[in-house]
Amino acid sequence: CGSNSEKEKGLQVADAIAGSLCREYVPRPSTPSYLEK
């Protein structure tokens, strides 16, 4: 189902991980990914 990220805390966790992966695999200048964590 589609859901609202404010309601579904798991979507917020997925957002944090997706952001880290994005910064690692679609790099931008001087923005660390912290993917190693």
Full PDB file with SEQRES, HELIX, SHEET, SSBOND, CRYST1, ORIGX, SCALE, CONECT and MASTER records, all heavy atoms in Angstrom:
SEQRES   1 A   37  CYS GLY SER ASN SER GLU LYS GLU LYS GLY LEU GLN VAL          
SEQRES   2 A   37  ALA ASP ALA ILE ALA GLY SER LEU CYS ARG GLU TYR VAL          
SEQRES   3 A   37  PRO ARG PRO SER THR PRO SER TYR LEU GLU LYS                  
HELIX    1 AA1 LYS A    9  TYR A   25  1                                  17    
CRYST1    1.000    1.000    1.000  90.00  90.00  90.00 P 1           1          
ORIGX1      1.000000  0.000000  0.000000        0.00000                         
ORIGX2      0.000000  1.000000  0.000000        0.00000                         
ORIGX3      0.000000  0.000000  1.000000        0.00000                         
SCALE1      1.000000  0.000000  0.000000        0.00000                         
SCALE2      0.000000  1.000000  0.000000        0.00000                         
SCALE3      0.000000  0.000000  1.000000        0.00000                         
ATOM      1  N   CYS A   1       0.840  -1.197   0.000  1.00  0.00           N  
ATOM      2  CA  CYS A   1       0.000   0.000   0.000  1.00  0.00           C  
ATOM      3  C   CYS A   1       0.876   1.249   0.000  1.00  0.00           C  
ATOM      4  O   CYS A   1       2.029   1.218   0.412  1.00  0.00           O  
ATOM      5  CB  CYS A   1      -0.907   0.011   1.226  1.00  0.00           C  
ATOM      6  SG  CYS A   1       0.005   0.110   2.778  1.00  0.00           S  
ATOM      7  N   GLY A   2       0.299   2.330  -0.480  1.00  0.00           N  
ATOM      8  CA  GLY A   2       0.950   3.631  -0.359  1.00  0.00           C  
ATOM      9  C   GLY A   2       0.680   4.169   1.030  1.00  0.00           C  
ATOM     10  O   GLY A   2      -0.384   3.908   1.605  1.00  0.00           O  
ATOM     11  N   SER A   3       1.619   4.879   1.582  1.00  0.00           N  
ATOM     12  CA  SER A   3       1.435   5.394   2.930  1.00  0.00           C  
ATOM     13  C   SER A   3       2.145   6.727   3.089  1.00  0.00           C  
ATOM     14  O   SER A   3       2.952   7.128   2.261  1.00  0.00           O  
ATOM     15  CB  SER A   3       1.963   4.381   3.952  1.00  0.00           C  
ATOM     16  OG  SER A   3       1.552   4.747   5.244  1.00  0.00           O  
ATOM     17  N   ASN A   4       1.854   7.373   4.191  1.00  0.00           N  
ATOM     18  CA  ASN A   4       2.428   8.663   4.528  1.00  0.00           C  
ATOM     19  C   ASN A   4       3.663   8.447   5.396  1.00  0.00           C  
ATOM     20  O   ASN A   4       3.603   7.714   6.384  1.00  0.00           O  
ATOM     21  CB  ASN A   4       1.353   9.462   5.291  1.00  0.00           C  
ATOM     22  CG  ASN A   4       1.827  10.802   5.738  1.00  0.00           C  
ATOM     23  OD1 ASN A   4       2.850  10.926   6.401  1.00  0.00           O  
ATOM     24  ND2 ASN A   4       1.069  11.812   5.383  1.00  0.00           N  
ATOM     25  N   SER A   5       4.763   9.089   5.049  1.00  0.00           N  
ATOM     26  CA  SER A   5       6.005   8.852   5.792  1.00  0.00           C  
ATOM     27  C   SER A   5       5.953   9.392   7.218  1.00  0.00           C  
ATOM     28  O   SER A   5       6.652   8.890   8.089  1.00  0.00           O  
ATOM     29  CB  SER A   5       7.213   9.420   5.039  1.00  0.00           C  
ATOM     30  OG  SER A   5       7.066  10.799   4.841  1.00  0.00           O  
ATOM     31  N   GLU A   6       5.110  10.369   7.484  1.00  0.00           N  
ATOM     32  CA  GLU A   6       4.987  10.839   8.874  1.00  0.00           C  
ATOM     33  C   GLU A   6       4.355   9.746   9.737  1.00  0.00           C  
ATOM     34  O   GLU A   6       4.739   9.538  10.880  1.00  0.00           O  
ATOM     35  CB  GLU A   6       4.143  12.114   8.949  1.00  0.00           C  
ATOM     36  CG  GLU A   6       4.101  12.691  10.346  1.00  0.00           C  
ATOM     37  CD  GLU A   6       3.408  14.034  10.426  1.00  0.00           C  
ATOM     38  OE1 GLU A   6       3.176  14.658   9.383  1.00  0.00           O  
ATOM     39  OE2 GLU A   6       3.094  14.444  11.555  1.00  0.00           O  
ATOM     40  N   LYS A   7       3.417   9.012   9.160  1.00  0.00           N  
ATOM     41  CA  LYS A   7       2.738   7.935   9.887  1.00  0.00           C  
ATOM     42  C   LYS A   7       3.616   6.692   9.996  1.00  0.00           C  
ATOM     43  O   LYS A   7       3.694   6.061  11.043  1.00  0.00           O  
ATOM     44  CB  LYS A   7       1.438   7.606   9.153  1.00  0.00           C  
ATOM     45  CG  LYS A   7       0.671   6.459   9.729  1.00  0.00           C  
ATOM     46  CD  LYS A   7      -0.546   6.157   8.857  1.00  0.00           C  
ATOM     47  CE  LYS A   7      -1.055   4.769   9.154  1.00  0.00           C  
ATOM     48  NZ  LYS A   7      -1.903   4.248   8.124  1.00  0.00           N  
ATOM     49  N   GLU A   8       4.255   6.311   8.904  1.00  0.00           N  
ATOM     50  CA  GLU A   8       5.052   5.079   8.845  1.00  0.00           C  
ATOM     51  C   GLU A   8       6.522   5.384   9.129  1.00  0.00           C  
ATOM     52  O   GLU A   8       7.233   5.891   8.258  1.00  0.00           O  
ATOM     53  CB  GLU A   8       4.929   4.411   7.471  1.00  0.00           C  
ATOM     54  CG  GLU A   8       3.598   3.780   7.200  1.00  0.00           C  
ATOM     55  CD  GLU A   8       3.382   2.499   7.977  1.00  0.00           C  
ATOM     56  OE1 GLU A   8       4.296   2.017   8.683  1.00  0.00           O  
ATOM     57  OE2 GLU A   8       2.265   1.967   7.876  1.00  0.00           O  
ATOM     58  N   LYS A   9       6.966   5.090  10.333  1.00  0.00           N  
ATOM     59  CA  LYS A   9       8.353   5.379  10.718  1.00  0.00           C  
ATOM     60  C   LYS A   9       9.339   4.608   9.846  1.00  0.00           C  
ATOM     61  O   LYS A   9      10.453   5.066   9.598  1.00  0.00           O  
ATOM     62  CB  LYS A   9       8.588   5.055  12.193  1.00  0.00           C  
ATOM     63  CG  LYS A   9       7.639   5.735  13.155  1.00  0.00           C  
ATOM     64  CD  LYS A   9       7.578   7.226  12.978  1.00  0.00           C  
ATOM     65  CE  LYS A   9       6.634   7.866  13.980  1.00  0.00           C  
ATOM     66  NZ  LYS A   9       6.073   9.118  13.522  1.00  0.00           N  
ATOM     67  N   GLY A  10       8.939   3.431   9.348  1.00  0.00           N  
ATOM     68  CA  GLY A  10       9.811   2.655   8.471  1.00  0.00           C  
ATOM     69  C   GLY A  10      10.145   3.389   7.188  1.00  0.00           C  
ATOM     70  O   GLY A  10      11.237   3.225   6.637  1.00  0.00           O  
ATOM     71  N   LEU A  11       9.222   4.224   6.715  1.00  0.00           N  
ATOM     72  CA  LEU A  11       9.501   5.017   5.512  1.00  0.00           C  
ATOM     73  C   LEU A  11      10.578   6.069   5.801  1.00  0.00           C  
ATOM     74  O   LEU A  11      11.391   6.393   4.935  1.00  0.00           O  
ATOM     75  CB  LEU A  11       8.221   5.675   4.994  1.00  0.00           C  
ATOM     76  CG  LEU A  11       7.186   4.721   4.411  1.00  0.00           C  
ATOM     77  CD1 LEU A  11       5.904   5.469   4.060  1.00  0.00           C  
ATOM     78  CD2 LEU A  11       7.724   3.983   3.202  1.00  0.00           C  
ATOM     79  N   GLN A  12      10.607   6.573   7.030  1.00  0.00           N  
ATOM     80  CA  GLN A  12      11.642   7.536   7.401  1.00  0.00           C  
ATOM     81  C   GLN A  12      13.011   6.861   7.477  1.00  0.00           C  
ATOM     82  O   GLN A  12      14.025   7.435   7.078  1.00  0.00           O  
ATOM     83  CB  GLN A  12      11.283   8.195   8.732  1.00  0.00           C  
ATOM     84  CG  GLN A  12      10.007   9.018   8.655  1.00  0.00           C  
ATOM     85  CD  GLN A  12       9.612   9.579  10.003  1.00  0.00           C  
ATOM     86  OE1 GLN A  12      10.446  10.146  10.716  1.00  0.00           O  
ATOM     87  NE2 GLN A  12       8.346   9.447  10.362  1.00  0.00           N  
ATOM     88  N   VAL A  13      13.027   5.624   7.971  1.00  0.00           N  
ATOM     89  CA  VAL A  13      14.278   4.859   8.006  1.00  0.00           C  
ATOM     90  C   VAL A  13      14.736   4.588   6.571  1.00  0.00           C  
ATOM     91  O   VAL A  13      15.916   4.737   6.237  1.00  0.00           O  
ATOM     92  CB  VAL A  13      14.100   3.544   8.801  1.00  0.00           C  
ATOM     93  CG1 VAL A  13      15.334   2.663   8.688  1.00  0.00           C  
ATOM     94  CG2 VAL A  13      13.797   3.857  10.263  1.00  0.00           C  
ATOM     95  N   ALA A  14      13.790   4.218   5.697  1.00  0.00           N  
ATOM     96  CA  ALA A  14      14.123   3.984   4.291  1.00  0.00           C  
ATOM     97  C   ALA A  14      14.645   5.261   3.644  1.00  0.00           C  
ATOM     98  O   ALA A  14      15.571   5.219   2.827  1.00  0.00           O  
ATOM     99  CB  ALA A  14      12.903   3.458   3.537  1.00  0.00           C  
ATOM    100  N   ASP A  15      14.092   6.421   4.019  1.00  0.00           N  
ATOM    101  CA  ASP A  15      14.547   7.706   3.498  1.00  0.00           C  
ATOM    102  C   ASP A  15      15.998   7.968   3.907  1.00  0.00           C  
ATOM    103  O   ASP A  15      16.818   8.414   3.095  1.00  0.00           O  
ATOM    104  CB  ASP A  15      13.629   8.821   4.014  1.00  0.00           C  
ATOM    105  CG  ASP A  15      14.019  10.189   3.493  1.00  0.00           C  
ATOM    106  OD1 ASP A  15      14.353  10.305   2.295  1.00  0.00           O  
ATOM    107  OD2 ASP A  15      13.968  11.160   4.276  1.00  0.00           O  
ATOM    108  N   ALA A  16      16.331   7.680   5.166  1.00  0.00           N  
ATOM    109  CA  ALA A  16      17.705   7.886   5.649  1.00  0.00           C  
ATOM    110  C   ALA A  16      18.694   6.999   4.884  1.00  0.00           C  
ATOM    111  O   ALA A  16      19.770   7.451   4.476  1.00  0.00           O  
ATOM    112  CB  ALA A  16      17.790   7.604   7.142  1.00  0.00           C  
ATOM    113  N   ILE A  17      18.313   5.740   4.669  1.00  0.00           N  
ATOM    114  CA  ILE A  17      19.202   4.815   3.965  1.00  0.00           C  
ATOM    115  C   ILE A  17      19.289   5.181   2.492  1.00  0.00           C  
ATOM    116  O   ILE A  17      20.386   5.187   1.907  1.00  0.00           O  
ATOM    117  CB  ILE A  17      18.741   3.359   4.173  1.00  0.00           C  
ATOM    118  CG1 ILE A  17      18.899   2.977   5.658  1.00  0.00           C  
ATOM    119  CG2 ILE A  17      19.526   2.397   3.280  1.00  0.00           C  
ATOM    120  CD1 ILE A  17      18.305   1.629   6.032  1.00  0.00           C  
ATOM    121  N   ALA A  18      18.156   5.514   1.874  1.00  0.00           N  
ATOM    122  CA  ALA A  18      18.163   5.924   0.464  1.00  0.00           C  
ATOM    123  C   ALA A  18      19.028   7.170   0.269  1.00  0.00           C  
ATOM    124  O   ALA A  18      19.779   7.273  -0.708  1.00  0.00           O  
ATOM    125  CB  ALA A  18      16.741   6.179  -0.025  1.00  0.00           C  
ATOM    126  N   GLY A  19      18.954   8.099   1.200  1.00  0.00           N  
ATOM    127  CA  GLY A  19      19.776   9.314   1.108  1.00  0.00           C  
ATOM    128  C   GLY A  19      21.257   8.995   1.174  1.00  0.00           C  
ATOM    129  O   GLY A  19      22.062   9.537   0.409  1.00  0.00           O  
ATOM    130  N   SER A  20      21.629   8.104   2.079  1.00  0.00           N  
ATOM    131  CA  SER A  20      23.031   7.701   2.196  1.00  0.00           C  
ATOM    132  C   SER A  20      23.512   7.025   0.914  1.00  0.00           C  
ATOM    133  O   SER A  20      24.596   7.330   0.400  1.00  0.00           O  
ATOM    134  CB  SER A  20      23.190   6.755   3.391  1.00  0.00           C  
ATOM    135  OG  SER A  20      24.507   6.287   3.480  1.00  0.00           O  
ATOM    136  N   LEU A  21      22.702   6.112   0.394  1.00  0.00           N  
ATOM    137  CA  LEU A  21      23.056   5.421  -0.852  1.00  0.00           C  
ATOM    138  C   LEU A  21      23.157   6.393  -2.007  1.00  0.00           C  
ATOM    139  O   LEU A  21      24.064   6.297  -2.849  1.00  0.00           O  
ATOM    140  CB  LEU A  21      22.023   4.339  -1.165  1.00  0.00           C  
ATOM    141  CG  LEU A  21      22.041   3.115  -0.262  1.00  0.00           C  
ATOM    142  CD1 LEU A  21      20.762   2.313  -0.412  1.00  0.00           C  
ATOM    143  CD2 LEU A  21      23.257   2.248  -0.551  1.00  0.00           C  
ATOM    144  N   CYS A  22      22.238   7.338  -2.064  1.00  0.00           N  
ATOM    145  CA  CYS A  22      22.259   8.328  -3.148  1.00  0.00           C  
ATOM    146  C   CYS A  22      23.534   9.174  -3.091  1.00  0.00           C  
ATOM    147  O   CYS A  22      24.166   9.408  -4.120  1.00  0.00           O  
ATOM    148  CB  CYS A  22      21.016   9.213  -3.064  1.00  0.00           C  
ATOM    149  SG  CYS A  22      20.833  10.318  -4.480  1.00  0.00           S  
ATOM    150  N   ARG A  23      23.914   9.603  -1.896  1.00  0.00           N  
ATOM    151  CA  ARG A  23      25.139  10.409  -1.776  1.00  0.00           C  
ATOM    152  C   ARG A  23      26.385   9.597  -2.132  1.00  0.00           C  
ATOM    153  O   ARG A  23      27.384  10.151  -2.573  1.00  0.00           O  
ATOM    154  CB  ARG A  23      25.251  10.989  -0.368  1.00  0.00           C  
ATOM    155  CG  ARG A  23      24.251  12.100  -0.101  1.00  0.00           C  
ATOM    156  CD  ARG A  23      24.487  12.799   1.228  1.00  0.00           C  
ATOM    157  NE  ARG A  23      24.403  11.902   2.367  1.00  0.00           N  
ATOM    158  CZ  ARG A  23      23.268  11.504   2.933  1.00  0.00           C  
ATOM    159  NH1 ARG A  23      22.110  11.918   2.461  1.00  0.00           N  
ATOM    160  NH2 ARG A  23      23.280  10.693   3.966  1.00  0.00           N  
ATOM    161  N   GLU A  24      26.321   8.275  -1.970  1.00  0.00           N  
ATOM    162  CA  GLU A  24      27.446   7.408  -2.308  1.00  0.00           C  
ATOM    163  C   GLU A  24      27.503   7.109  -3.806  1.00  0.00           C  
ATOM    164  O   GLU A  24      28.559   7.166  -4.416  1.00  0.00           O  
ATOM    165  CB  GLU A  24      27.342   6.096  -1.525  1.00  0.00           C  
ATOM    166  CG  GLU A  24      28.468   5.109  -1.785  1.00  0.00           C  
ATOM    167  CD  GLU A  24      29.795   5.518  -1.177  1.00  0.00           C  
ATOM    168  OE1 GLU A  24      29.832   6.333  -0.223  1.00  0.00           O  
ATOM    169  OE2 GLU A  24      30.824   5.014  -1.663  1.00  0.00           O  
ATOM    170  N   TYR A  25      26.366   6.781  -4.402  1.00  0.00           N  
ATOM    171  CA  TYR A  25      26.338   6.310  -5.788  1.00  0.00           C  
ATOM    172  C   TYR A  25      26.016   7.400  -6.803  1.00  0.00           C  
ATOM    173  O   TYR A  25      26.227   7.203  -8.002  1.00  0.00           O  
ATOM    174  CB  TYR A  25      25.353   5.143  -5.934  1.00  0.00           C  
ATOM    175  CG  TYR A  25      25.858   3.905  -5.252  1.00  0.00           C  
ATOM    176  CD1 TYR A  25      25.511   3.609  -3.939  1.00  0.00           C  
ATOM    177  CD2 TYR A  25      26.714   3.032  -5.907  1.00  0.00           C  
ATOM    178  CE1 TYR A  25      25.996   2.482  -3.300  1.00  0.00           C  
ATOM    179  CE2 TYR A  25      27.207   1.901  -5.277  1.00  0.00           C  
ATOM    180  CZ  TYR A  25      26.840   1.631  -3.975  1.00  0.00           C  
ATOM    181  OH  TYR A  25      27.329   0.517  -3.339  1.00  0.00           O  
ATOM    182  N   VAL A  26      25.455   8.516  -6.356  1.00  0.00           N  
ATOM    183  CA  VAL A  26      25.208   9.667  -7.223  1.00  0.00           C  
ATOM    184  C   VAL A  26      25.868  10.858  -6.512  1.00  0.00           C  
ATOM    185  O   VAL A  26      25.195  11.734  -5.976  1.00  0.00           O  
ATOM    186  CB  VAL A  26      23.694   9.905  -7.431  1.00  0.00           C  
ATOM    187  CG1 VAL A  26      23.466  10.952  -8.517  1.00  0.00           C  
ATOM    188  CG2 VAL A  26      22.969   8.614  -7.788  1.00  0.00           C  
ATOM    189  N   PRO A  27      27.202  10.839  -6.459  1.00  0.00           N  
ATOM    190  CA  PRO A  27      27.914  11.780  -5.581  1.00  0.00           C  
ATOM    191  C   PRO A  27      27.736  13.248  -5.955  1.00  0.00           C  
ATOM    192  O   PRO A  27      27.583  13.594  -7.112  1.00  0.00           O  
ATOM    193  CB  PRO A  27      29.379  11.368  -5.720  1.00  0.00           C  
ATOM    194  CG  PRO A  27      29.463  10.415  -6.834  1.00  0.00           C  
ATOM    195  CD  PRO A  27      28.092   9.985  -7.210  1.00  0.00           C  
ATOM    196  N   ARG A  28      27.743  14.061  -4.923  1.00  0.00           N  
ATOM    197  CA  ARG A  28      27.780  15.510  -5.094  1.00  0.00           C  
ATOM    198  C   ARG A  28      28.988  16.034  -4.334  1.00  0.00           C  
ATOM    199  O   ARG A  28      29.413  15.400  -3.363  1.00  0.00           O  
ATOM    200  CB  ARG A  28      26.512  16.185  -4.622  1.00  0.00           C  
ATOM    201  CG  ARG A  28      25.799  15.475  -3.569  1.00  0.00           C  
ATOM    202  CD  ARG A  28      24.343  15.764  -3.441  1.00  0.00           C  
ATOM    203  NE  ARG A  28      23.672  14.479  -3.530  1.00  0.00           N  
ATOM    204  CZ  ARG A  28      22.499  14.231  -3.058  1.00  0.00           C  
ATOM    205  NH1 ARG A  28      21.824  15.156  -2.475  1.00  0.00           N  
ATOM    206  NH2 ARG A  28      21.972  13.053  -3.174  1.00  0.00           N  
ATOM    207  N   PRO A  29      29.524  17.131  -4.755  1.00  0.00           N  
ATOM    208  CA  PRO A  29      30.740  17.648  -4.113  1.00  0.00           C  
ATOM    209  C   PRO A  29      30.572  17.868  -2.613  1.00  0.00           C  
ATOM    210  O   PRO A  29      29.563  18.402  -2.169  1.00  0.00           O  
ATOM    211  CB  PRO A  29      30.984  18.984  -4.826  1.00  0.00           C  
ATOM    212  CG  PRO A  29      30.167  18.926  -6.070  1.00  0.00           C  
ATOM    213  CD  PRO A  29      29.034  17.977  -5.830  1.00  0.00           C  
ATOM    214  N   SER A  30      31.546  17.426  -1.875  1.00  0.00           N  
ATOM    215  CA  SER A  30      31.673  17.614  -0.425  1.00  0.00           C  
ATOM    216  C   SER A  30      30.402  17.278   0.371  1.00  0.00           C  
ATOM    217  O   SER A  30      30.043  17.987   1.303  1.00  0.00           O  
ATOM    218  CB  SER A  30      32.153  19.036  -0.094  1.00  0.00           C  
ATOM    219  OG  SER A  30      31.200  19.990  -0.488  1.00  0.00           O  
ATOM    220  N   THR A  31      29.716  16.207  -0.015  1.00  0.00           N  
ATOM    221  CA  THR A  31      28.569  15.726   0.747  1.00  0.00           C  
ATOM    222  C   THR A  31      28.825  14.270   1.093  1.00  0.00           C  
ATOM    223  O   THR A  31      28.630  13.387   0.271  1.00  0.00           O  
ATOM    224  CB  THR A  31      27.260  15.857  -0.070  1.00  0.00           C  
ATOM    225  OG1 THR A  31      27.156  17.189  -0.555  1.00  0.00           O  
ATOM    226  CG2 THR A  31      26.054  15.556   0.787  1.00  0.00           C  
ATOM    227  N   PRO A  32      29.284  13.991   2.306  1.00  0.00           N  
ATOM    228  CA  PRO A  32      29.606  12.604   2.678  1.00  0.00           C  
ATOM    229  C   PRO A  32      28.360  11.723   2.742  1.00  0.00           C  
ATOM    230  O   PRO A  32      27.274  12.178   3.104  1.00  0.00           O  
ATOM    231  CB  PRO A  32      30.257  12.741   4.054  1.00  0.00           C  
ATOM    232  CG  PRO A  32      29.802  14.057   4.573  1.00  0.00           C  
ATOM    233  CD  PRO A  32      29.504  14.931   3.398  1.00  0.00           C  
ATOM    234  N   SER A  33      28.537  10.454   2.385  1.00  0.00           N  
ATOM    235  CA  SER A  33      27.401   9.523   2.379  1.00  0.00           C  
ATOM    236  C   SER A  33      27.212   8.820   3.716  1.00  0.00           C  
ATOM    237  O   SER A  33      26.099   8.457   4.074  1.00  0.00           O  
ATOM    238  CB  SER A  33      27.596   8.476   1.286  1.00  0.00           C  
ATOM    239  OG  SER A  33      28.623   7.563   1.642  1.00  0.00           O  
ATOM    240  N   TYR A  34      28.300   8.563   4.449  1.00  0.00           N  
ATOM    241  CA  TYR A  34      28.295   7.792   5.692  1.00  0.00           C  
ATOM    242  C   TYR A  34      27.792   6.363   5.478  1.00  0.00           C  
ATOM    243  O   TYR A  34      27.359   5.703   6.418  1.00  0.00           O  
ATOM    244  CB  TYR A  34      27.471   8.477   6.795  1.00  0.00           C  
ATOM    245  CG  TYR A  34      27.901   9.890   7.068  1.00  0.00           C  
ATOM    246  CD1 TYR A  34      27.067  10.965   6.793  1.00  0.00           C  
ATOM    247  CD2 TYR A  34      29.172  10.153   7.562  1.00  0.00           C  
ATOM    248  CE1 TYR A  34      27.476  12.261   7.019  1.00  0.00           C  
ATOM    249  CE2 TYR A  34      29.589  11.455   7.795  1.00  0.00           C  
ATOM    250  CZ  TYR A  34      28.744  12.507   7.510  1.00  0.00           C  
ATOM    251  OH  TYR A  34      29.160  13.784   7.733  1.00  0.00           O  
ATOM    252  N   LEU A  35      27.876   5.881   4.246  1.00  0.00           N  
ATOM    253  CA  LEU A  35      27.394   4.536   3.939  1.00  0.00           C  
ATOM    254  C   LEU A  35      28.159   3.466   4.708  1.00  0.00           C  
ATOM    255  O   LEU A  35      27.600   2.430   5.055  1.00  0.00           O  
ATOM    256  CB  LEU A  35      27.476   4.270   2.429  1.00  0.00           C  
ATOM    257  CG  LEU A  35      26.917   2.937   1.955  1.00  0.00           C  
ATOM    258  CD1 LEU A  35      25.436   2.810   2.289  1.00  0.00           C  
ATOM    259  CD2 LEU A  35      27.147   2.749   0.473  1.00  0.00           C  
ATOM    260  N   GLU A  36      29.408   3.742   5.035  1.00  0.00           N  
ATOM    261  CA  GLU A  36      30.209   2.740   5.755  1.00  0.00           C  
ATOM    262  C   GLU A  36      29.571   2.349   7.087  1.00  0.00           C  
ATOM    263  O   GLU A  36      29.792   1.255   7.590  1.00  0.00           O  
ATOM    264  CB  GLU A  36      31.644   3.245   5.971  1.00  0.00           C  
ATOM    265  CG  GLU A  36      31.808   4.376   6.977  1.00  0.00           C  
ATOM    266  CD  GLU A  36      31.482   5.782   6.453  1.00  0.00           C  
ATOM    267  OE1 GLU A  36      31.161   5.933   5.260  1.00  0.00           O  
ATOM    268  OE2 GLU A  36      31.559   6.732   7.255  1.00  0.00           O  
ATOM    269  N   LYS A  37      28.747   3.224   7.645  1.00  0.00           N  
ATOM    270  CA  LYS A  37      28.098   2.933   8.929  1.00  0.00           C  
ATOM    271  C   LYS A  37      27.056   1.813   8.807  1.00  0.00           C  
ATOM    272  O   LYS A  37      26.827   1.070   9.755  1.00  0.00           O  
ATOM    273  CB  LYS A  37      27.447   4.197   9.491  1.00  0.00           C  
ATOM    274  CG  LYS A  37      28.449   5.281   9.819  1.00  0.00           C  
ATOM    275  CD  LYS A  37      27.768   6.511  10.373  1.00  0.00           C  
ATOM    276  CE  LYS A  37      28.765   7.594  10.705  1.00  0.00           C  
ATOM    277  NZ  LYS A  37      29.857   7.190  11.569  1.00  0.00           N  
TER     278      LYS A  37                                                      
MASTER        0    0    0    1    0    0    0    6  277    1    0    3          
END                                                                             
